[in-house]
N, C-alpha and C. Protein backbone atom coordinates (compact mmCIF):
# COMPACT_ATOMS: atom_id res chain seq x y z
N MET A 1 17.40 -135.83 41.39
CA MET A 1 16.49 -136.50 40.41
C MET A 1 15.18 -135.86 40.37
N PHE A 2 14.69 -135.48 41.51
CA PHE A 2 13.39 -134.74 41.52
C PHE A 2 13.47 -133.48 40.74
N PHE A 3 14.58 -132.74 40.83
CA PHE A 3 14.73 -131.45 40.11
C PHE A 3 14.64 -131.74 38.71
N LEU A 4 15.46 -132.66 38.16
CA LEU A 4 15.37 -133.05 36.75
C LEU A 4 14.00 -133.41 36.20
N SER A 5 13.29 -134.31 37.06
CA SER A 5 11.99 -134.59 36.57
C SER A 5 10.98 -133.40 36.56
N ASP A 6 11.13 -132.54 37.56
CA ASP A 6 10.37 -131.29 37.64
C ASP A 6 10.55 -130.43 36.38
N MET A 7 11.79 -130.17 36.02
CA MET A 7 12.08 -129.38 34.89
C MET A 7 11.60 -129.97 33.61
N LEU A 8 11.60 -131.28 33.48
CA LEU A 8 11.17 -131.93 32.25
C LEU A 8 9.64 -131.81 32.14
N ASN A 9 8.96 -132.00 33.30
CA ASN A 9 7.57 -131.76 33.37
C ASN A 9 7.11 -130.46 32.93
N LYS A 10 7.78 -129.41 33.38
CA LYS A 10 7.50 -128.09 32.98
C LYS A 10 7.68 -127.83 31.48
N LYS A 11 8.67 -128.45 30.92
CA LYS A 11 8.92 -128.35 29.39
C LYS A 11 7.82 -128.99 28.63
N LEU A 12 7.09 -129.89 29.17
CA LEU A 12 6.10 -130.74 28.43
C LEU A 12 4.74 -130.08 28.76
N LYS A 13 4.59 -129.08 29.57
CA LYS A 13 3.32 -128.47 29.96
C LYS A 13 3.48 -127.06 29.83
N LEU A 14 2.47 -126.44 29.19
CA LEU A 14 2.47 -124.95 28.90
C LEU A 14 2.24 -124.32 30.36
N PRO A 15 2.97 -123.20 30.49
CA PRO A 15 2.64 -122.49 31.84
C PRO A 15 1.46 -121.73 31.96
N LYS A 16 0.95 -121.59 33.10
CA LYS A 16 -0.20 -120.84 33.36
C LYS A 16 0.18 -119.34 33.52
N PRO A 17 -0.68 -118.41 33.37
CA PRO A 17 -0.21 -116.92 33.41
C PRO A 17 0.54 -116.54 34.58
N GLY A 18 0.27 -117.18 35.80
CA GLY A 18 1.03 -116.83 36.99
C GLY A 18 2.38 -117.50 37.00
N GLU A 19 2.64 -118.48 36.13
CA GLU A 19 3.88 -119.21 36.14
C GLU A 19 4.90 -118.75 35.09
N ALA A 20 4.38 -117.96 34.08
CA ALA A 20 5.22 -117.63 32.98
C ALA A 20 6.33 -116.43 33.40
N LEU A 21 7.36 -116.52 32.66
CA LEU A 21 8.45 -115.41 32.87
C LEU A 21 7.87 -114.07 32.40
N PRO A 22 8.34 -112.99 33.09
CA PRO A 22 7.78 -111.73 32.79
C PRO A 22 8.14 -111.06 31.53
N GLY A 23 9.34 -111.41 30.97
CA GLY A 23 9.78 -110.78 29.64
C GLY A 23 10.17 -109.36 29.86
N ARG A 24 9.93 -108.63 28.81
CA ARG A 24 10.41 -107.20 28.75
C ARG A 24 9.61 -106.32 27.83
N GLU A 25 9.67 -105.05 27.92
CA GLU A 25 8.85 -104.10 27.11
C GLU A 25 9.38 -104.00 25.73
N LYS A 26 10.76 -103.94 25.58
CA LYS A 26 11.40 -103.65 24.23
C LYS A 26 11.70 -104.99 23.61
N PRO A 27 11.52 -105.00 22.32
CA PRO A 27 11.94 -106.26 21.46
C PRO A 27 13.43 -106.46 21.55
N ILE A 28 13.87 -107.71 21.57
CA ILE A 28 15.20 -108.02 21.65
C ILE A 28 15.77 -107.72 20.23
N PRO A 29 17.12 -107.44 20.21
CA PRO A 29 17.80 -107.12 18.97
C PRO A 29 17.78 -108.29 17.96
N THR A 30 17.63 -107.97 16.73
CA THR A 30 17.71 -109.10 15.68
C THR A 30 18.31 -108.48 14.37
N ALA A 31 18.51 -109.29 13.41
CA ALA A 31 19.06 -108.78 12.11
C ALA A 31 18.09 -107.85 11.40
N GLU A 32 18.61 -107.00 10.60
CA GLU A 32 17.76 -106.07 9.82
C GLU A 32 17.38 -106.73 8.48
N THR A 33 18.28 -107.47 7.87
CA THR A 33 17.98 -108.00 6.60
C THR A 33 18.12 -109.58 6.57
N HIS A 34 17.47 -110.26 5.58
CA HIS A 34 17.65 -111.68 5.45
C HIS A 34 19.02 -112.02 4.89
N PHE A 35 19.57 -113.03 5.48
CA PHE A 35 21.00 -113.27 5.20
C PHE A 35 21.20 -113.77 3.78
N VAL A 36 20.11 -114.47 3.29
CA VAL A 36 20.16 -115.06 1.87
C VAL A 36 19.69 -114.10 0.87
N SER A 37 18.65 -113.46 1.10
CA SER A 37 18.02 -112.53 -0.02
C SER A 37 18.40 -111.08 0.16
N GLY A 38 18.73 -110.61 1.47
CA GLY A 38 19.07 -109.21 1.69
C GLY A 38 17.85 -108.40 1.83
N ARG A 39 16.65 -109.04 1.82
CA ARG A 39 15.51 -108.30 1.98
C ARG A 39 15.16 -107.94 3.43
N PRO A 40 14.45 -106.88 3.72
CA PRO A 40 14.20 -106.38 5.01
C PRO A 40 13.41 -107.47 5.93
N LEU A 41 13.87 -107.95 6.98
CA LEU A 41 13.28 -108.90 7.80
C LEU A 41 11.97 -108.46 8.38
N LYS A 42 11.90 -107.24 8.78
CA LYS A 42 10.70 -106.72 9.39
C LYS A 42 9.83 -105.82 8.48
N GLY A 43 10.20 -105.86 7.22
CA GLY A 43 9.44 -105.04 6.23
C GLY A 43 10.02 -103.61 6.19
N PRO A 44 9.26 -102.84 5.41
CA PRO A 44 7.93 -102.92 4.85
C PRO A 44 7.97 -104.01 3.71
N TYR A 45 6.98 -104.78 3.61
CA TYR A 45 6.82 -105.85 2.64
C TYR A 45 6.03 -105.28 1.35
N PRO A 46 6.30 -105.70 0.18
CA PRO A 46 5.62 -105.19 -0.98
C PRO A 46 4.11 -105.40 -0.94
N ASP A 47 3.26 -104.60 -1.56
CA ASP A 47 1.87 -104.82 -1.60
C ASP A 47 1.57 -106.13 -2.29
N GLY A 48 0.43 -106.75 -1.85
CA GLY A 48 -0.07 -107.90 -2.43
C GLY A 48 0.47 -109.28 -1.79
N LEU A 49 1.47 -109.06 -0.93
CA LEU A 49 2.02 -110.24 -0.29
C LEU A 49 1.24 -110.65 1.02
N GLU A 50 1.30 -111.81 1.30
CA GLU A 50 0.54 -112.43 2.49
C GLU A 50 1.52 -113.08 3.50
N THR A 51 0.98 -113.26 4.72
CA THR A 51 1.83 -113.81 5.81
C THR A 51 1.26 -115.06 6.30
N ALA A 52 2.28 -116.05 6.65
CA ALA A 52 1.81 -117.31 7.27
C ALA A 52 2.81 -117.44 8.43
N LEU A 53 2.39 -118.31 9.31
CA LEU A 53 3.11 -118.56 10.61
C LEU A 53 3.08 -120.03 10.97
N PHE A 54 4.17 -120.76 10.98
CA PHE A 54 4.31 -122.23 11.18
C PHE A 54 5.31 -122.56 12.16
N GLY A 55 4.85 -123.60 13.20
CA GLY A 55 5.81 -124.13 14.04
C GLY A 55 5.93 -125.56 13.78
N MET A 56 7.11 -126.09 13.59
CA MET A 56 7.50 -127.44 13.10
C MET A 56 8.57 -128.10 13.84
N GLY A 57 8.78 -127.73 15.15
CA GLY A 57 9.90 -128.05 15.91
C GLY A 57 10.98 -126.99 15.82
N CYS A 58 12.33 -127.41 15.79
CA CYS A 58 13.37 -126.47 15.70
C CYS A 58 13.14 -125.48 14.51
N PHE A 59 13.30 -124.24 14.70
CA PHE A 59 13.03 -123.31 13.51
C PHE A 59 14.15 -123.21 12.57
N TRP A 60 15.37 -123.70 12.84
CA TRP A 60 16.39 -123.56 11.86
C TRP A 60 16.07 -124.32 10.53
N GLY A 61 15.69 -125.55 10.56
CA GLY A 61 15.46 -126.26 9.36
C GLY A 61 14.17 -125.88 8.70
N ALA A 62 13.20 -125.54 9.54
CA ALA A 62 11.81 -125.08 9.01
C ALA A 62 12.00 -123.87 8.19
N GLU A 63 12.81 -122.85 8.75
CA GLU A 63 12.90 -121.62 7.98
C GLU A 63 13.60 -121.90 6.63
N ARG A 64 14.70 -122.70 6.56
CA ARG A 64 15.41 -123.06 5.30
C ARG A 64 14.44 -123.65 4.34
N LEU A 65 13.50 -124.56 4.81
CA LEU A 65 12.55 -125.09 3.90
C LEU A 65 11.72 -124.14 3.22
N PHE A 66 11.26 -123.12 3.95
CA PHE A 66 10.41 -122.13 3.39
C PHE A 66 11.08 -121.09 2.50
N TRP A 67 12.37 -120.59 2.85
CA TRP A 67 13.01 -119.64 2.06
C TRP A 67 13.47 -120.11 0.75
N GLN A 68 13.57 -121.57 0.71
CA GLN A 68 13.99 -122.15 -0.56
C GLN A 68 12.62 -122.38 -1.43
N THR A 69 11.55 -122.10 -1.05
CA THR A 69 10.30 -122.22 -1.75
C THR A 69 9.96 -121.10 -2.65
N GLU A 70 9.76 -121.34 -3.95
CA GLU A 70 9.53 -120.38 -4.86
C GLU A 70 8.30 -119.61 -4.53
N GLY A 71 8.36 -118.26 -4.52
CA GLY A 71 7.15 -117.48 -4.15
C GLY A 71 7.16 -116.91 -2.76
N VAL A 72 8.12 -117.40 -1.99
CA VAL A 72 8.30 -116.95 -0.68
C VAL A 72 9.28 -115.72 -0.71
N TRP A 73 8.84 -114.59 -0.22
CA TRP A 73 9.59 -113.30 -0.41
C TRP A 73 10.59 -113.15 0.76
N VAL A 74 10.16 -113.45 1.94
CA VAL A 74 11.18 -113.40 3.07
C VAL A 74 10.69 -114.36 4.17
N THR A 75 11.64 -114.75 5.00
CA THR A 75 11.28 -115.56 6.21
C THR A 75 11.99 -115.12 7.43
N ALA A 76 11.50 -115.46 8.57
CA ALA A 76 12.06 -115.14 9.86
C ALA A 76 11.83 -116.06 10.91
N SER A 77 12.84 -116.40 11.68
CA SER A 77 12.67 -117.25 12.92
C SER A 77 12.20 -116.45 14.03
N GLY A 78 11.36 -117.10 14.81
CA GLY A 78 10.87 -116.33 16.07
C GLY A 78 10.16 -117.19 16.99
N TYR A 79 9.33 -116.46 17.87
CA TYR A 79 8.59 -117.25 18.98
C TYR A 79 7.11 -116.69 18.95
N ALA A 80 6.15 -117.60 19.19
CA ALA A 80 4.81 -117.16 19.23
C ALA A 80 4.00 -118.20 19.89
N GLY A 81 2.83 -117.75 20.39
CA GLY A 81 1.99 -118.70 21.03
C GLY A 81 2.05 -118.78 22.60
N GLY A 82 2.83 -117.98 23.22
CA GLY A 82 3.13 -118.06 24.57
C GLY A 82 2.59 -116.82 25.36
N LEU A 83 3.23 -116.63 26.58
CA LEU A 83 2.72 -115.50 27.45
C LEU A 83 3.70 -114.53 27.68
N THR A 84 4.95 -114.74 27.51
CA THR A 84 6.07 -113.92 27.77
C THR A 84 6.33 -112.90 26.64
N ALA A 85 6.37 -111.60 27.03
CA ALA A 85 6.66 -110.58 25.99
C ALA A 85 8.10 -110.43 25.67
N ASN A 86 8.44 -110.42 24.38
CA ASN A 86 9.78 -110.23 23.88
C ASN A 86 10.73 -111.19 24.62
N PRO A 87 10.51 -112.56 24.45
CA PRO A 87 11.33 -113.49 25.18
C PRO A 87 12.73 -113.62 24.40
N THR A 88 13.74 -114.10 25.19
CA THR A 88 15.00 -114.55 24.60
C THR A 88 14.96 -115.98 24.32
N TYR A 89 15.91 -116.43 23.59
CA TYR A 89 15.96 -117.88 23.26
C TYR A 89 16.17 -118.69 24.48
N GLN A 90 17.05 -118.17 25.38
CA GLN A 90 17.32 -118.83 26.64
C GLN A 90 16.11 -119.01 27.48
N GLU A 91 15.21 -117.99 27.46
CA GLU A 91 13.99 -117.90 28.22
C GLU A 91 12.95 -119.03 27.64
N THR A 92 12.86 -119.08 26.29
CA THR A 92 11.88 -119.98 25.73
C THR A 92 12.27 -121.44 26.04
N CYS A 93 13.62 -121.73 26.16
CA CYS A 93 14.18 -123.09 26.43
C CYS A 93 13.77 -123.54 27.68
N THR A 94 13.39 -122.69 28.60
CA THR A 94 13.13 -123.17 29.95
C THR A 94 11.65 -123.77 29.96
N GLY A 95 10.86 -123.50 28.91
CA GLY A 95 9.54 -123.79 28.92
C GLY A 95 8.54 -122.97 29.65
N LEU A 96 9.09 -121.87 30.17
CA LEU A 96 8.27 -120.98 31.15
C LEU A 96 7.78 -119.77 30.35
N THR A 97 7.90 -119.74 29.03
CA THR A 97 7.34 -118.63 28.28
C THR A 97 6.00 -118.99 27.51
N GLY A 98 5.98 -120.34 27.30
CA GLY A 98 4.76 -120.90 26.54
C GLY A 98 4.89 -120.79 25.03
N HIS A 99 6.01 -120.20 24.55
CA HIS A 99 6.08 -119.98 23.12
C HIS A 99 6.47 -121.16 22.30
N ALA A 100 6.14 -121.30 21.12
CA ALA A 100 6.69 -122.28 20.23
C ALA A 100 7.71 -121.61 19.29
N GLU A 101 8.67 -122.37 18.83
CA GLU A 101 9.64 -121.84 17.79
C GLU A 101 8.82 -121.87 16.60
N VAL A 102 8.82 -120.68 15.89
CA VAL A 102 7.97 -120.61 14.61
C VAL A 102 8.75 -119.97 13.60
N VAL A 103 8.19 -120.08 12.32
CA VAL A 103 8.72 -119.35 11.21
C VAL A 103 7.73 -118.45 10.56
N LEU A 104 8.07 -117.15 10.37
CA LEU A 104 7.20 -116.20 9.63
C LEU A 104 7.48 -116.44 8.28
N VAL A 105 6.54 -116.53 7.46
CA VAL A 105 6.71 -116.74 5.90
C VAL A 105 5.87 -115.67 5.22
N VAL A 106 6.59 -114.71 4.55
CA VAL A 106 5.88 -113.69 3.73
C VAL A 106 5.91 -114.13 2.31
N PHE A 107 4.79 -114.32 1.63
CA PHE A 107 4.74 -114.97 0.39
C PHE A 107 3.82 -114.32 -0.65
N ASP A 108 4.03 -114.57 -1.90
CA ASP A 108 3.33 -114.04 -3.02
C ASP A 108 2.26 -115.03 -3.33
N PRO A 109 0.98 -114.84 -3.08
CA PRO A 109 -0.01 -115.90 -3.33
C PRO A 109 -0.28 -116.04 -4.90
N LYS A 110 0.28 -115.12 -5.69
CA LYS A 110 0.17 -115.37 -7.17
C LYS A 110 1.17 -116.43 -7.69
N VAL A 111 2.16 -116.67 -6.80
CA VAL A 111 3.26 -117.71 -7.13
C VAL A 111 3.14 -119.02 -6.41
N VAL A 112 2.82 -118.84 -5.06
CA VAL A 112 2.67 -120.01 -4.10
C VAL A 112 1.47 -119.68 -3.29
N SER A 113 0.55 -120.69 -3.25
CA SER A 113 -0.75 -120.44 -2.56
C SER A 113 -0.51 -120.87 -1.07
N TYR A 114 -1.41 -120.48 -0.19
CA TYR A 114 -1.43 -120.85 1.15
C TYR A 114 -1.65 -122.41 1.29
N SER A 115 -2.41 -122.95 0.40
CA SER A 115 -2.59 -124.46 0.32
C SER A 115 -1.18 -125.17 0.04
N ASP A 116 -0.49 -124.58 -0.78
CA ASP A 116 0.90 -125.12 -1.15
C ASP A 116 1.76 -125.11 0.12
N LEU A 117 1.68 -124.00 0.81
CA LEU A 117 2.54 -123.87 2.04
C LEU A 117 2.03 -124.86 3.20
N LEU A 118 0.75 -125.03 3.27
CA LEU A 118 0.14 -126.06 4.17
C LEU A 118 0.67 -127.55 3.90
N LYS A 119 0.75 -127.83 2.51
CA LYS A 119 1.18 -129.14 2.12
C LYS A 119 2.67 -129.33 2.56
N ILE A 120 3.43 -128.35 2.33
CA ILE A 120 4.82 -128.39 2.71
C ILE A 120 4.93 -128.54 4.22
N PHE A 121 4.12 -127.81 4.98
CA PHE A 121 4.12 -127.84 6.44
C PHE A 121 3.78 -129.26 6.95
N TRP A 122 2.72 -129.86 6.42
CA TRP A 122 2.30 -131.18 6.95
C TRP A 122 3.35 -132.23 6.59
N GLU A 123 3.95 -132.17 5.43
CA GLU A 123 4.68 -133.34 4.90
C GLU A 123 6.13 -133.27 5.40
N ALA A 124 6.54 -132.13 5.91
CA ALA A 124 7.95 -131.98 6.27
C ALA A 124 8.28 -132.24 7.79
N HIS A 125 7.22 -132.47 8.58
CA HIS A 125 7.49 -132.90 9.98
C HIS A 125 6.35 -133.90 10.42
N ASP A 126 6.46 -134.39 11.67
CA ASP A 126 5.51 -135.30 12.12
C ASP A 126 4.59 -134.60 13.16
N PRO A 127 3.39 -134.32 12.63
CA PRO A 127 2.47 -133.53 13.59
C PRO A 127 1.73 -134.25 14.57
N THR A 128 2.23 -135.46 14.90
CA THR A 128 1.49 -136.39 15.88
C THR A 128 2.30 -136.45 17.21
N GLN A 129 3.27 -135.71 17.42
CA GLN A 129 4.23 -136.03 18.56
C GLN A 129 3.92 -135.15 19.79
N GLY A 130 2.88 -134.32 19.76
CA GLY A 130 2.68 -133.54 21.04
C GLY A 130 3.82 -132.56 21.23
N MET A 131 4.25 -132.51 22.48
CA MET A 131 5.21 -131.50 22.83
C MET A 131 6.71 -131.83 22.49
N ARG A 132 6.91 -132.24 21.28
CA ARG A 132 8.20 -132.62 20.81
C ARG A 132 8.25 -132.70 19.27
N GLN A 133 9.44 -132.79 18.74
CA GLN A 133 9.57 -133.10 17.40
C GLN A 133 10.93 -133.88 17.28
N GLY A 134 10.79 -135.28 17.17
CA GLY A 134 12.03 -136.11 17.18
C GLY A 134 12.62 -135.99 18.45
N ASN A 135 13.96 -135.75 18.53
CA ASN A 135 14.71 -135.71 19.76
C ASN A 135 14.59 -134.41 20.53
N ASP A 136 13.98 -133.44 19.81
CA ASP A 136 13.71 -132.17 20.51
C ASP A 136 12.44 -132.25 21.32
N VAL A 137 12.66 -132.14 22.63
CA VAL A 137 11.48 -132.36 23.53
C VAL A 137 11.26 -130.97 24.21
N GLY A 138 9.95 -130.66 24.28
CA GLY A 138 9.53 -129.52 25.07
C GLY A 138 8.41 -128.70 24.34
N THR A 139 7.80 -127.83 24.99
CA THR A 139 6.68 -127.00 24.49
C THR A 139 7.05 -126.19 23.30
N THR A 140 8.37 -125.72 23.31
CA THR A 140 8.84 -124.81 22.15
C THR A 140 8.84 -125.62 20.84
N TYR A 141 8.82 -126.95 20.95
CA TYR A 141 8.97 -127.68 19.63
C TYR A 141 7.65 -128.25 19.23
N ARG A 142 6.53 -127.86 19.64
CA ARG A 142 5.22 -128.32 19.28
C ARG A 142 4.86 -127.87 17.88
N SER A 143 4.02 -128.61 17.36
CA SER A 143 3.49 -128.38 15.97
C SER A 143 2.44 -127.35 16.01
N ALA A 144 2.55 -126.29 15.24
CA ALA A 144 1.51 -125.24 15.35
C ALA A 144 1.39 -124.52 13.87
N ILE A 145 0.07 -124.09 13.74
CA ILE A 145 -0.29 -123.22 12.56
C ILE A 145 -1.07 -122.06 13.21
N PHE A 146 -0.44 -120.85 13.10
CA PHE A 146 -1.07 -119.72 13.58
C PHE A 146 -1.59 -118.87 12.35
N THR A 147 -2.85 -118.70 12.27
CA THR A 147 -3.52 -118.18 11.12
C THR A 147 -3.90 -116.60 11.04
N PHE A 148 -3.79 -116.12 9.91
CA PHE A 148 -4.16 -114.62 9.72
C PHE A 148 -5.42 -114.56 8.91
N GLY A 149 -6.54 -114.40 9.59
CA GLY A 149 -7.74 -114.30 8.92
C GLY A 149 -8.54 -115.61 8.87
N GLU A 150 -9.87 -115.44 8.61
CA GLU A 150 -10.70 -116.60 8.66
C GLU A 150 -10.36 -117.59 7.49
N ALA A 151 -10.03 -117.09 6.24
CA ALA A 151 -9.85 -117.94 5.13
C ALA A 151 -8.68 -118.91 5.54
N GLN A 152 -7.55 -118.34 6.04
CA GLN A 152 -6.44 -119.22 6.50
C GLN A 152 -6.79 -120.16 7.42
N HIS A 153 -7.69 -119.65 8.44
CA HIS A 153 -7.99 -120.57 9.57
C HIS A 153 -8.82 -121.79 9.01
N GLN A 154 -9.76 -121.61 8.17
CA GLN A 154 -10.56 -122.73 7.67
C GLN A 154 -9.69 -123.55 6.82
N ALA A 155 -8.84 -122.97 5.98
CA ALA A 155 -7.89 -123.81 5.15
C ALA A 155 -6.99 -124.71 6.04
N ALA A 156 -6.56 -124.11 7.19
CA ALA A 156 -5.72 -125.02 8.03
C ALA A 156 -6.51 -126.05 8.61
N LEU A 157 -7.69 -125.91 9.06
CA LEU A 157 -8.53 -126.86 9.60
C LEU A 157 -8.73 -127.99 8.62
N ALA A 158 -9.23 -127.59 7.42
CA ALA A 158 -9.50 -128.50 6.32
C ALA A 158 -8.30 -129.40 6.00
N SER A 159 -7.08 -128.73 5.92
CA SER A 159 -5.95 -129.46 5.60
C SER A 159 -5.51 -130.44 6.66
N ARG A 160 -5.70 -130.17 8.00
CA ARG A 160 -5.63 -131.03 9.15
C ARG A 160 -6.43 -132.26 8.93
N ASP A 161 -7.72 -132.03 8.60
CA ASP A 161 -8.63 -133.19 8.58
C ASP A 161 -8.28 -134.08 7.43
N ALA A 162 -7.82 -133.47 6.28
CA ALA A 162 -7.42 -134.26 5.19
C ALA A 162 -6.13 -135.08 5.44
N TYR A 163 -5.26 -134.48 6.23
CA TYR A 163 -3.94 -135.16 6.47
C TYR A 163 -4.21 -136.22 7.68
N GLN A 164 -5.13 -135.91 8.55
CA GLN A 164 -5.43 -136.89 9.47
C GLN A 164 -6.01 -138.24 8.94
N ALA A 165 -6.80 -138.00 7.80
CA ALA A 165 -7.38 -139.23 7.11
C ALA A 165 -6.23 -140.02 6.51
N ALA A 166 -5.25 -139.29 5.85
CA ALA A 166 -4.18 -139.92 5.19
C ALA A 166 -3.16 -140.66 6.13
N LEU A 167 -3.01 -140.03 7.32
CA LEU A 167 -2.27 -140.63 8.32
C LEU A 167 -2.96 -141.88 8.99
N ALA A 168 -4.10 -141.76 9.19
CA ALA A 168 -4.90 -142.93 9.78
C ALA A 168 -4.99 -144.09 8.79
N ALA A 169 -4.93 -143.82 7.58
CA ALA A 169 -4.91 -144.86 6.55
C ALA A 169 -3.59 -145.69 6.64
N THR A 170 -2.62 -145.17 7.17
CA THR A 170 -1.28 -145.72 7.30
C THR A 170 -1.00 -146.27 8.74
N GLY A 171 -2.02 -146.14 9.64
CA GLY A 171 -1.90 -146.60 10.99
C GLY A 171 -1.22 -145.69 11.96
N ARG A 172 -1.07 -144.34 11.47
CA ARG A 172 -0.41 -143.42 12.44
C ARG A 172 -1.43 -142.83 13.33
N GLY A 173 -0.92 -142.03 14.31
CA GLY A 173 -1.80 -141.55 15.41
C GLY A 173 -2.45 -140.17 15.06
N LYS A 174 -2.94 -139.57 16.14
CA LYS A 174 -3.82 -138.41 15.92
C LYS A 174 -2.85 -137.09 15.90
N ILE A 175 -3.24 -136.23 14.97
CA ILE A 175 -2.46 -134.98 14.91
C ILE A 175 -2.83 -134.15 16.15
N THR A 176 -1.63 -133.62 16.62
CA THR A 176 -1.66 -132.72 17.87
C THR A 176 -1.38 -131.32 17.59
N THR A 177 -1.31 -130.93 16.24
CA THR A 177 -0.93 -129.54 15.88
C THR A 177 -2.00 -128.60 16.41
N GLU A 178 -1.46 -127.49 17.05
CA GLU A 178 -2.21 -126.36 17.49
C GLU A 178 -2.52 -125.48 16.31
N ILE A 179 -3.81 -125.18 16.18
CA ILE A 179 -4.36 -124.22 15.06
C ILE A 179 -5.12 -123.05 15.86
N ALA A 180 -4.53 -121.91 15.67
CA ALA A 180 -5.15 -120.75 16.31
C ALA A 180 -4.85 -119.42 15.53
N PRO A 181 -5.69 -118.47 15.86
CA PRO A 181 -5.39 -117.14 15.29
C PRO A 181 -4.07 -116.58 15.62
N ALA A 182 -3.37 -115.99 14.69
CA ALA A 182 -1.98 -115.67 14.96
C ALA A 182 -1.83 -114.70 16.19
N PRO A 183 -1.10 -115.00 17.16
CA PRO A 183 -0.73 -114.05 18.28
C PRO A 183 0.30 -113.15 17.82
N GLU A 184 0.95 -112.39 18.77
CA GLU A 184 2.05 -111.53 18.41
C GLU A 184 3.26 -112.45 18.14
N PHE A 185 3.96 -112.06 17.07
CA PHE A 185 5.29 -112.82 16.70
C PHE A 185 6.45 -111.99 17.23
N TYR A 186 7.38 -112.70 17.84
CA TYR A 186 8.59 -112.05 18.35
C TYR A 186 9.73 -112.59 17.58
N PHE A 187 10.51 -111.72 16.97
CA PHE A 187 11.62 -112.14 16.17
C PHE A 187 12.77 -112.65 17.11
N ALA A 188 13.22 -113.78 16.69
CA ALA A 188 14.41 -114.36 17.37
C ALA A 188 15.67 -113.60 17.20
N GLU A 189 16.69 -113.85 18.02
CA GLU A 189 17.94 -113.08 18.02
C GLU A 189 18.67 -113.34 16.54
N ALA A 190 19.51 -112.44 16.17
CA ALA A 190 20.13 -112.47 14.93
C ALA A 190 20.81 -113.73 14.58
N GLU A 191 21.44 -114.48 15.53
CA GLU A 191 22.22 -115.65 15.29
C GLU A 191 21.31 -116.74 14.90
N HIS A 192 19.97 -116.72 15.13
CA HIS A 192 19.06 -117.70 14.77
C HIS A 192 18.36 -117.41 13.41
N GLN A 193 18.55 -116.24 12.91
CA GLN A 193 17.94 -115.94 11.62
C GLN A 193 18.74 -116.55 10.49
N GLN A 194 18.06 -117.43 9.71
CA GLN A 194 18.66 -118.04 8.56
C GLN A 194 19.90 -118.88 8.98
N TYR A 195 19.81 -119.47 10.10
CA TYR A 195 20.88 -120.18 10.79
C TYR A 195 21.67 -121.20 9.85
N LEU A 196 20.85 -121.90 9.03
CA LEU A 196 21.47 -122.98 8.23
C LEU A 196 22.17 -122.38 6.95
N ALA A 197 21.94 -121.15 6.65
CA ALA A 197 22.55 -120.51 5.58
C ALA A 197 23.95 -120.10 6.13
N LYS A 198 24.02 -119.73 7.30
CA LYS A 198 25.28 -119.26 7.95
C LYS A 198 26.02 -120.53 8.44
N ASN A 199 25.40 -121.53 8.82
CA ASN A 199 26.07 -122.87 9.24
C ASN A 199 25.45 -124.01 8.39
N PRO A 200 25.98 -124.21 7.28
CA PRO A 200 25.46 -125.26 6.39
C PRO A 200 25.35 -126.58 6.96
N ASP A 201 26.39 -126.97 7.94
CA ASP A 201 26.43 -128.28 8.48
C ASP A 201 25.75 -128.35 9.80
N GLY A 202 24.87 -127.30 10.04
CA GLY A 202 24.28 -127.12 11.42
C GLY A 202 23.12 -128.12 11.51
N TYR A 203 22.60 -128.24 12.68
CA TYR A 203 21.62 -129.21 13.03
C TYR A 203 20.29 -128.88 12.38
N CYS A 204 19.62 -129.98 11.74
CA CYS A 204 18.30 -129.74 11.19
C CYS A 204 17.47 -131.02 11.63
N GLY A 205 16.45 -130.85 12.38
CA GLY A 205 15.72 -131.96 12.95
C GLY A 205 14.46 -132.31 12.15
N LEU A 206 14.26 -131.68 10.94
CA LEU A 206 13.05 -131.97 10.21
C LEU A 206 13.02 -133.45 9.73
N LYS A 207 11.92 -134.07 9.98
CA LYS A 207 11.74 -135.47 9.48
C LYS A 207 10.27 -135.65 9.25
N GLY A 208 9.82 -135.81 8.07
CA GLY A 208 8.41 -135.98 7.82
C GLY A 208 8.02 -137.50 7.99
N THR A 209 6.67 -137.75 7.89
CA THR A 209 6.16 -139.11 8.11
C THR A 209 6.26 -139.98 6.91
N GLY A 210 6.50 -139.30 5.75
CA GLY A 210 6.50 -140.06 4.51
C GLY A 210 5.12 -140.26 3.88
N VAL A 211 4.15 -139.63 4.59
CA VAL A 211 2.78 -139.76 4.08
C VAL A 211 2.38 -138.44 3.34
N ALA A 212 1.96 -138.56 2.18
CA ALA A 212 1.64 -137.36 1.37
C ALA A 212 0.35 -136.71 1.85
N CYS A 213 0.32 -135.43 1.51
CA CYS A 213 -0.90 -134.71 2.00
C CYS A 213 -1.67 -134.07 0.90
N ALA A 214 -2.83 -134.48 0.59
CA ALA A 214 -3.55 -133.87 -0.43
C ALA A 214 -4.52 -132.77 0.17
N VAL A 215 -3.93 -131.60 0.12
CA VAL A 215 -4.60 -130.38 0.75
C VAL A 215 -5.76 -129.96 -0.09
N PRO A 216 -6.86 -129.71 0.53
CA PRO A 216 -8.06 -129.05 -0.24
C PRO A 216 -7.66 -127.79 -0.78
N VAL A 217 -7.95 -127.42 -2.01
CA VAL A 217 -7.60 -126.11 -2.64
C VAL A 217 -8.24 -124.99 -1.93
N SER A 218 -7.47 -123.98 -1.60
CA SER A 218 -8.02 -122.74 -0.98
C SER A 218 -7.34 -121.55 -1.55
N ALA A 219 -7.06 -120.48 -0.70
CA ALA A 219 -6.51 -119.25 -1.28
C ALA A 219 -5.03 -119.58 -1.78
């Protein structure tokens, strides 16, 4: 009983540098192309496109949400925000890498703005749950926005404040979403890329609050 309690506590608390798994020097193998669009997962991406990085719990449903969005050029599932270099899925599940499951979104800002993506992000999950998302419990399932550049960072903060006001008006709690400059993104294994396109009846834990988000206009 003590062992199970200890493991659960580790999954609800981010590891300190001395506690994290060591990882490896080389990236783990992944798919070369997007299963749905056939576009290169790791680029090169066309000029003029921008990148966003979101954590919304399990990355399977989150990735599908964004690849179905008009203006998104390619998506990828992966890990970010932790301490372990080039982690495996099994390692992240221990809670000892510090990473969140995230989705890399490469988009055309002429078609879909970063503000549009933020609105999708906030409305499609519950950002008040801390180290979990629904029945998915652990640090890997925390809500996160990792930003590229100051404009994205300020837009993310402004959108959080706007959504917090909307949530508070309906009696909901405080947003726990981590907002930080984008760390290194590690691509997940091939089987996790575009998982719900390969497994249409697979698990999707996405569930929003039902509260609309009026995101301040930005880039």
